[in-house]
Amino acid sequence: MFDRRQVLSGCAAMLAGVVVAGPVRAQGAPDAADFVIRTAQAVGDALGSGDVEGRMLRVIDERLDMEYAARFTLGRYWNALQPPDRAEYERLFRAYAMQVYRDRFRRYYGGNWDVSRLFRVSGQPRVGERDIVVPTELSPPDGGLIRIEWRLRRAAQAYRVIDLAVENVSQAFTTRQEFESVITQRGGNPRAIIQVLRERTGQS
């Protein structure tokens, strides 16, 4: 069953995707931490605005690699979709991602969207073969501490978020498992996830 609560808890990111041929070493980490801070603040600004959905979509389009995310979440099923179905899936996935981010960060931030008081980079960025990981901590208004690692990749001299690990759980892989489970339960037809996303975004 496609459990909305499970996916909300497992999809802060819903990010990752296209396989890049051959290893590519990340070229240092200039401004990676600053990019993450600005991204978190952009989310806070969106939540506190009069156009939450429009502003959240702008954050997603400018700072997340949605094409990468859409392909990864379908895994092996991506190639089974025809081009028109891929285009529809990407459109619905973008709308669904916006809803997930909106709901989850509202829960994190509560009514206080001053990210400078709730959010901090907690360590030095770690540079890998392809990606840069920035460790952060979020202190929700209702207490507690949430550790989030932001995985970034550079494209055309700009960073894009490709995954979040919340308390060491990769949200990209969690979402992929959720979507593959939906498809398996509905006879292995990848178009099943399109119908589910239509329902979840109110576009059925």
C-alpha atoms as a PDB file:
ATOM      1  CA  MET A   1       0.000   0.000   0.000  1.00  0.00           C
ATOM      2  CA  PHE A   2       1.215   3.497  -0.810  1.00  0.00           C
ATOM      3  CA  ASP A   3       1.346   4.960   2.719  1.00  0.00           C
ATOM      4  CA  ARG A   4       1.429   8.758   2.673  1.00  0.00           C
ATOM      5  CA  ARG A   5       2.856   8.905   6.176  1.00  0.00           C
ATOM      6  CA  GLN A   6       5.702   6.587   5.298  1.00  0.00           C
ATOM      7  CA  VAL A   7       6.581   8.570   2.215  1.00  0.00           C
ATOM      8  CA  LEU A   8       6.426  11.906   4.036  1.00  0.00           C
ATOM      9  CA  SER A   9       8.771  10.528   6.657  1.00  0.00           C
ATOM     10  CA  GLY A  10      11.013   9.101   3.994  1.00  0.00           C
ATOM     11  CA  CYS A  11      11.007  11.790   1.277  1.00  0.00           C
ATOM     12  CA  ALA A  12      12.500  15.037   2.546  1.00  0.00           C
ATOM     13  CA  ALA A  13      14.542  14.989  -0.323  1.00  0.00           C
ATOM     14  CA  MET A  14      13.209  12.659  -2.922  1.00  0.00           C
ATOM     15  CA  LEU A  15      16.387  13.383  -4.714  1.00  0.00           C
ATOM     16  CA  ALA A  16      18.896  11.553  -6.974  1.00  0.00           C
ATOM     17  CA  GLY A  17      18.862   9.881 -10.362  1.00  0.00           C
ATOM     18  CA  VAL A  18      20.635   9.887 -13.699  1.00  0.00           C
ATOM     19  CA  VAL A  19      23.682   7.639 -13.864  1.00  0.00           C
ATOM     20  CA  VAL A  20      26.787   9.540 -14.929  1.00  0.00           C
ATOM     21  CA  ALA A  21      29.226   7.499 -16.963  1.00  0.00           C
ATOM     22  CA  GLY A  22      32.599   7.109 -15.284  1.00  0.00           C
ATOM     23  CA  PRO A  23      33.808   8.583 -11.961  1.00  0.00           C
ATOM     24  CA  VAL A  24      33.965  12.339 -11.701  1.00  0.00           C
ATOM     25  CA  ARG A  25      35.916  13.830  -8.805  1.00  0.00           C
ATOM     26  CA  ALA A  26      34.244  16.756  -7.035  1.00  0.00           C
ATOM     27  CA  GLN A  27      36.419  19.813  -7.501  1.00  0.00           C
ATOM     28  CA  GLY A  28      36.850  21.018  -3.934  1.00  0.00           C
ATOM     29  CA  ALA A  29      33.979  22.470  -1.948  1.00  0.00           C
ATOM     30  CA  PRO A  30      33.919  26.231  -2.544  1.00  0.00           C
ATOM     31  CA  ASP A  31      30.863  27.791  -0.922  1.00  0.00           C
ATOM     32  CA  ALA A  32      29.152  24.407  -0.391  1.00  0.00           C
ATOM     33  CA  ALA A  33      28.189  25.198   3.192  1.00  0.00           C
ATOM     34  CA  ASP A  34      26.977  28.645   2.198  1.00  0.00           C
ATOM     35  CA  PHE A  35      24.840  27.117  -0.556  1.00  0.00           C
ATOM     36  CA  VAL A  36      23.172  24.806   1.967  1.00  0.00           C
ATOM     37  CA  ILE A  37      22.506  27.670   4.385  1.00  0.00           C
ATOM     38  CA  ARG A  38      20.985  29.778   1.610  1.00  0.00           C
ATOM     39  CA  THR A  39      18.849  26.829   0.513  1.00  0.00           C
ATOM     40  CA  ALA A  40      17.514  26.294   4.037  1.00  0.00           C
ATOM     41  CA  GLN A  41      16.770  30.002   4.331  1.00  0.00           C
ATOM     42  CA  ALA A  42      14.998  30.002   0.963  1.00  0.00           C
ATOM     43  CA  VAL A  43      12.741  27.228   2.269  1.00  0.00           C
ATOM     44  CA  GLY A  44      12.035  29.249   5.406  1.00  0.00           C
ATOM     45  CA  ASP A  45      11.282  32.349   3.354  1.00  0.00           C
ATOM     46  CA  ALA A  46       8.874  30.351   1.190  1.00  0.00           C
ATOM     47  CA  LEU A  47       7.033  28.972   4.205  1.00  0.00           C
ATOM     48  CA  GLY A  48       6.585  32.451   5.607  1.00  0.00           C
ATOM     49  CA  SER A  49       5.373  33.980   2.353  1.00  0.00           C
ATOM     50  CA  GLY A  50       1.885  34.490   0.971  1.00  0.00           C
ATOM     51  CA  ASP A  51       2.662  32.162  -1.945  1.00  0.00           C
ATOM     52  CA  VAL A  52       4.066  29.082  -0.256  1.00  0.00           C
ATOM     53  CA  GLU A  53       3.594  26.646  -3.124  1.00  0.00           C
ATOM     54  CA  GLY A  54       4.929  29.010  -5.779  1.00  0.00           C
ATOM     55  CA  ARG A  55       7.972  29.905  -3.706  1.00  0.00           C
ATOM     56  CA  MET A  56       8.655  26.265  -2.823  1.00  0.00           C
ATOM     57  CA  LEU A  57       8.518  25.303  -6.484  1.00  0.00           C
ATOM     58  CA  ARG A  58      11.055  28.016  -7.204  1.00  0.00           C
ATOM     59  CA  VAL A  59      13.410  26.602  -4.564  1.00  0.00           C
ATOM     60  CA  ILE A  60      13.004  23.122  -6.044  1.00  0.00           C
ATOM     61  CA  ASP A  61      13.671  24.319  -9.591  1.00  0.00           C
ATOM     62  CA  GLU A  62      16.691  26.424  -8.668  1.00  0.00           C
ATOM     63  CA  ARG A  63      18.409  24.293  -6.034  1.00  0.00           C
ATOM     64  CA  LEU A  64      17.383  20.659  -6.471  1.00  0.00           C
ATOM     65  CA  ASP A  65      18.193  18.439  -9.422  1.00  0.00           C
ATOM     66  CA  MET A  66      14.663  17.296 -10.183  1.00  0.00           C
ATOM     67  CA  GLU A  67      15.512  15.455 -13.387  1.00  0.00           C
ATOM     68  CA  TYR A  68      18.107  13.509 -11.439  1.00  0.00           C
ATOM     69  CA  ALA A  69      15.574  12.818  -8.694  1.00  0.00           C
ATOM     70  CA  ALA A  70      12.786  11.705 -10.987  1.00  0.00           C
ATOM     71  CA  ARG A  71      14.953   9.143 -12.747  1.00  0.00           C
ATOM     72  CA  PHE A  72      16.491   7.735  -9.600  1.00  0.00           C
ATOM     73  CA  THR A  73      13.185   7.231  -7.805  1.00  0.00           C
ATOM     74  CA  LEU A  74      11.961   4.984 -10.628  1.00  0.00           C
ATOM     75  CA  GLY A  75      15.181   2.987 -10.827  1.00  0.00           C
ATOM     76  CA  ARG A  76      15.004   0.239 -13.415  1.00  0.00           C
ATOM     77  CA  TYR A  77      11.433   1.200 -14.291  1.00  0.00           C
ATOM     78  CA  TRP A  78      12.483   4.511 -15.851  1.00  0.00           C
ATOM     79  CA  ASN A  79      13.536   2.876 -19.115  1.00  0.00           C
ATOM     80  CA  ALA A  80      10.230   0.996 -19.285  1.00  0.00           C
ATOM     81  CA  LEU A  81       8.268   4.234 -19.610  1.00  0.00           C
ATOM     82  CA  GLN A  82       7.559   5.797 -22.980  1.00  0.00           C
ATOM     83  CA  PRO A  83       8.689   9.431 -23.449  1.00  0.00           C
ATOM     84  CA  PRO A  84       5.182  10.919 -22.925  1.00  0.00           C
ATOM     85  CA  ASP A  85       4.826   8.959 -19.684  1.00  0.00           C
ATOM     86  CA  ARG A  86       8.255  10.090 -18.528  1.00  0.00           C
ATOM     87  CA  ALA A  87       7.291  13.704 -19.110  1.00  0.00           C
ATOM     88  CA  GLU A  88       4.079  13.278 -17.133  1.00  0.00           C
ATOM     89  CA  TYR A  89       5.882  11.477 -14.336  1.00  0.00           C
ATOM     90  CA  GLU A  90       8.452  14.269 -14.060  1.00  0.00           C
ATOM     91  CA  ARG A  91       5.691  16.894 -13.921  1.00  0.00           C
ATOM     92  CA  LEU A  92       3.787  15.030 -11.208  1.00  0.00           C
ATOM     93  CA  PHE A  93       6.960  14.198  -9.298  1.00  0.00           C
ATOM     94  CA  ARG A  94       7.864  17.899  -9.135  1.00  0.00           C
ATOM     95  CA  ALA A  95       4.431  18.744  -7.706  1.00  0.00           C
ATOM     96  CA  TYR A  96       4.637  15.878  -5.245  1.00  0.00           C
ATOM     97  CA  ALA A  97       8.124  16.861  -4.117  1.00  0.00           C
ATOM     98  CA  MET A  98       6.870  20.382  -3.436  1.00  0.00           C
ATOM     99  CA  GLN A  99       4.108  19.027  -1.202  1.00  0.00           C
ATOM    100  CA  VAL A 100       6.492  16.779   0.706  1.00  0.00           C
ATOM    101  CA  TYR A 101       9.003  19.577   1.321  1.00  0.00           C
ATOM    102  CA  ARG A 102       6.285  22.010   2.290  1.00  0.00           C
ATOM    103  CA  ASP A 103       4.711  19.669   4.821  1.00  0.00           C
ATOM    104  CA  ARG A 104       7.933  18.347   6.288  1.00  0.00           C
ATOM    105  CA  PHE A 105       9.674  21.675   6.738  1.00  0.00           C
ATOM    106  CA  ARG A 106       6.545  23.208   8.201  1.00  0.00           C
ATOM    107  CA  ARG A 107       6.738  20.469  10.814  1.00  0.00           C
ATOM    108  CA  TYR A 108      10.441  21.166  11.366  1.00  0.00           C
ATOM    109  CA  TYR A 109      10.163  24.940  11.518  1.00  0.00           C
ATOM    110  CA  GLY A 110       6.733  25.287  13.101  1.00  0.00           C
ATOM    111  CA  GLY A 111       5.664  28.925  12.927  1.00  0.00           C
ATOM    112  CA  ASN A 112       9.225  30.198  13.298  1.00  0.00           C
ATOM    113  CA  TRP A 113      10.862  30.567   9.902  1.00  0.00           C
ATOM    114  CA  ASP A 114      13.979  32.368  11.156  1.00  0.00           C
ATOM    115  CA  VAL A 115      16.354  29.701   9.906  1.00  0.00           C
ATOM    116  CA  SER A 116      19.378  31.490  11.364  1.00  0.00           C
ATOM    117  CA  ARG A 117      18.102  30.509  14.829  1.00  0.00           C
ATOM    118  CA  LEU A 118      17.111  26.932  14.007  1.00  0.00           C
ATOM    119  CA  PHE A 119      19.688  25.717  11.509  1.00  0.00           C
ATOM    120  CA  ARG A 120      23.467  25.457  11.433  1.00  0.00           C
ATOM    121  CA  VAL A 121      26.263  23.723   9.545  1.00  0.00           C
ATOM    122  CA  SER A 122      27.781  21.349  12.079  1.00  0.00           C
ATOM    123  CA  GLY A 123      31.039  20.345  10.418  1.00  0.00           C
ATOM    124  CA  GLN A 124      33.351  20.679   7.454  1.00  0.00           C
ATOM    125  CA  PRO A 125      32.003  19.593   4.046  1.00  0.00           C
ATOM    126  CA  ARG A 126      33.309  16.175   2.970  1.00  0.00           C
ATOM    127  CA  VAL A 127      34.495  15.959  -0.617  1.00  0.00           C
ATOM    128  CA  GLY A 128      34.100  12.645  -2.410  1.00  0.00           C
ATOM    129  CA  GLU A 129      34.684  11.330  -5.922  1.00  0.00           C
ATOM    130  CA  ARG A 130      31.565  12.971  -7.279  1.00  0.00           C
ATOM    131  CA  ASP A 131      29.731  14.637  -4.449  1.00  0.00           C
ATOM    132  CA  ILE A 132      30.108  16.957  -1.487  1.00  0.00           C
ATOM    133  CA  VAL A 133      28.355  16.186   1.794  1.00  0.00           C
ATOM    134  CA  VAL A 134      27.527  19.048   4.158  1.00  0.00           C
ATOM    135  CA  PRO A 135      26.546  18.032   7.722  1.00  0.00           C
ATOM    136  CA  THR A 136      23.936  20.210   9.416  1.00  0.00           C
ATOM    137  CA  GLU A 137      21.749  20.297  12.491  1.00  0.00           C
ATOM    138  CA  LEU A 138      18.181  21.551  12.754  1.00  0.00           C
ATOM    139  CA  SER A 139      16.661  22.481  16.122  1.00  0.00           C
ATOM    140  CA  PRO A 140      12.864  22.507  15.768  1.00  0.00           C
ATOM    141  CA  PRO A 141      10.946  24.984  17.942  1.00  0.00           C
ATOM    142  CA  ASP A 142       9.355  22.105  19.875  1.00  0.00           C
ATOM    143  CA  GLY A 143      12.761  20.802  20.920  1.00  0.00           C
ATOM    144  CA  GLY A 144      15.087  18.023  19.915  1.00  0.00           C
ATOM    145  CA  LEU A 145      17.836  17.936  17.326  1.00  0.00           C
ATOM    146  CA  ILE A 146      17.653  16.632  13.768  1.00  0.00           C
ATOM    147  CA  ARG A 147      20.879  15.792  11.944  1.00  0.00           C
ATOM    148  CA  ILE A 148      20.682  16.206   8.184  1.00  0.00           C
ATOM    149  CA  GLU A 149      23.483  15.611   5.696  1.00  0.00           C
ATOM    150  CA  TRP A 150      23.017  17.405   2.377  1.00  0.00           C
ATOM    151  CA  ARG A 151      24.566  15.677  -0.625  1.00  0.00           C
ATOM    152  CA  LEU A 152      25.477  18.120  -3.388  1.00  0.00           C
ATOM    153  CA  ARG A 153      26.759  17.730  -6.916  1.00  0.00           C
ATOM    154  CA  ARG A 154      28.127  20.442  -9.154  1.00  0.00           C
ATOM    155  CA  ALA A 155      26.614  20.938 -12.606  1.00  0.00           C
ATOM    156  CA  ALA A 156      27.525  23.810 -14.918  1.00  0.00           C
ATOM    157  CA  GLN A 157      29.475  25.445 -12.091  1.00  0.00           C
ATOM    158  CA  ALA A 158      26.447  25.415  -9.784  1.00  0.00           C
ATOM    159  CA  TYR A 159      25.553  23.164  -6.867  1.00  0.00           C
ATOM    160  CA  ARG A 160      22.394  21.090  -6.847  1.00  0.00           C
ATOM    161  CA  VAL A 161      21.028  18.993  -3.971  1.00  0.00           C
ATOM    162  CA  ILE A 162      20.709  15.322  -4.930  1.00  0.00           C
ATOM    163  CA  ASP A 163      19.963  13.713  -1.568  1.00  0.00           C
ATOM    164  CA  LEU A 164      19.364  14.348   2.115  1.00  0.00           C
ATOM    165  CA  ALA A 165      20.299  11.858   4.811  1.00  0.00           C
ATOM    166  CA  VAL A 166      18.083  12.446   7.838  1.00  0.00           C
ATOM    167  CA  GLU A 167      19.609  10.791  10.910  1.00  0.00           C
ATOM    168  CA  ASN A 168      21.794   8.691   8.575  1.00  0.00           C
ATOM    169  CA  VAL A 169      18.884   7.507   6.418  1.00  0.00           C
ATOM    170  CA  SER A 170      19.184   8.366   2.721  1.00  0.00           C
ATOM    171  CA  GLN A 171      15.893   9.843   1.644  1.00  0.00           C
ATOM    172  CA  ALA A 172      16.627   9.222  -2.039  1.00  0.00           C
ATOM    173  CA  PHE A 173      16.902   5.466  -1.525  1.00  0.00           C
ATOM    174  CA  THR A 174      13.934   5.385   0.852  1.00  0.00           C
ATOM    175  CA  THR A 175      11.746   7.047  -1.750  1.00  0.00           C
ATOM    176  CA  ARG A 176      12.981   4.710  -4.456  1.00  0.00           C
ATOM    177  CA  GLN A 177      12.055   1.710  -2.335  1.00  0.00           C
ATOM    178  CA  GLU A 178       8.603   3.163  -1.676  1.00  0.00           C
ATOM    179  CA  PHE A 179       7.932   3.770  -5.362  1.00  0.00           C
ATOM    180  CA  GLU A 180       9.221   0.357  -6.421  1.00  0.00           C
ATOM    181  CA  SER A 181       6.964  -1.241  -3.798  1.00  0.00           C
ATOM    182  CA  VAL A 182       3.944   0.576  -5.232  1.00  0.00           C
ATOM    183  CA  ILE A 183       4.772  -0.589  -8.744  1.00  0.00           C
ATOM    184  CA  THR A 184       5.364  -4.187  -7.627  1.00  0.00           C
ATOM    185  CA  GLN A 185       2.065  -4.297  -5.739  1.00  0.00           C
ATOM    186  CA  ARG A 186       0.256  -3.039  -8.828  1.00  0.00           C
ATOM    187  CA  GLY A 187       1.478  -5.710 -11.190  1.00  0.00           C
ATOM    188  CA  GLY A 188       4.878  -4.302 -12.110  1.00  0.00           C
ATOM    189  CA  ASN A 189       3.501  -1.625 -14.424  1.00  0.00           C
ATOM    190  CA  PRO A 190       5.534   1.580 -13.897  1.00  0.00           C
ATOM    191  CA  ARG A 191       2.588   3.677 -15.044  1.00  0.00           C
ATOM    192  CA  ALA A 192       0.959   2.770 -11.721  1.00  0.00           C
ATOM    193  CA  ILE A 193       3.094   5.350  -9.946  1.00  0.00           C
ATOM    194  CA  ILE A 194       1.782   8.013 -12.320  1.00  0.00           C
ATOM    195  CA  GLN A 195      -1.778   7.339 -11.225  1.00  0.00           C
ATOM    196  CA  VAL A 196      -0.778   7.345  -7.563  1.00  0.00           C
ATOM    197  CA  LEU A 197       1.001  10.690  -7.954  1.00  0.00           C
ATOM    198  CA  ARG A 198      -2.041  12.115  -9.726  1.00  0.00           C
ATOM    199  CA  GLU A 199      -4.112  11.189  -6.713  1.00  0.00           C
ATOM    200  CA  ARG A 200      -1.590  12.540  -4.203  1.00  0.00           C
ATOM    201  CA  THR A 201      -1.265  15.885  -5.997  1.00  0.00           C
ATOM    202  CA  GLY A 202      -4.977  16.260  -6.703  1.00  0.00           C
ATOM    203  CA  GLN A 203      -4.457  15.967 -10.446  1.00  0.00           C
ATOM    204  CA  SER A 204      -6.351  12.718 -11.027  1.00  0.00           C
END
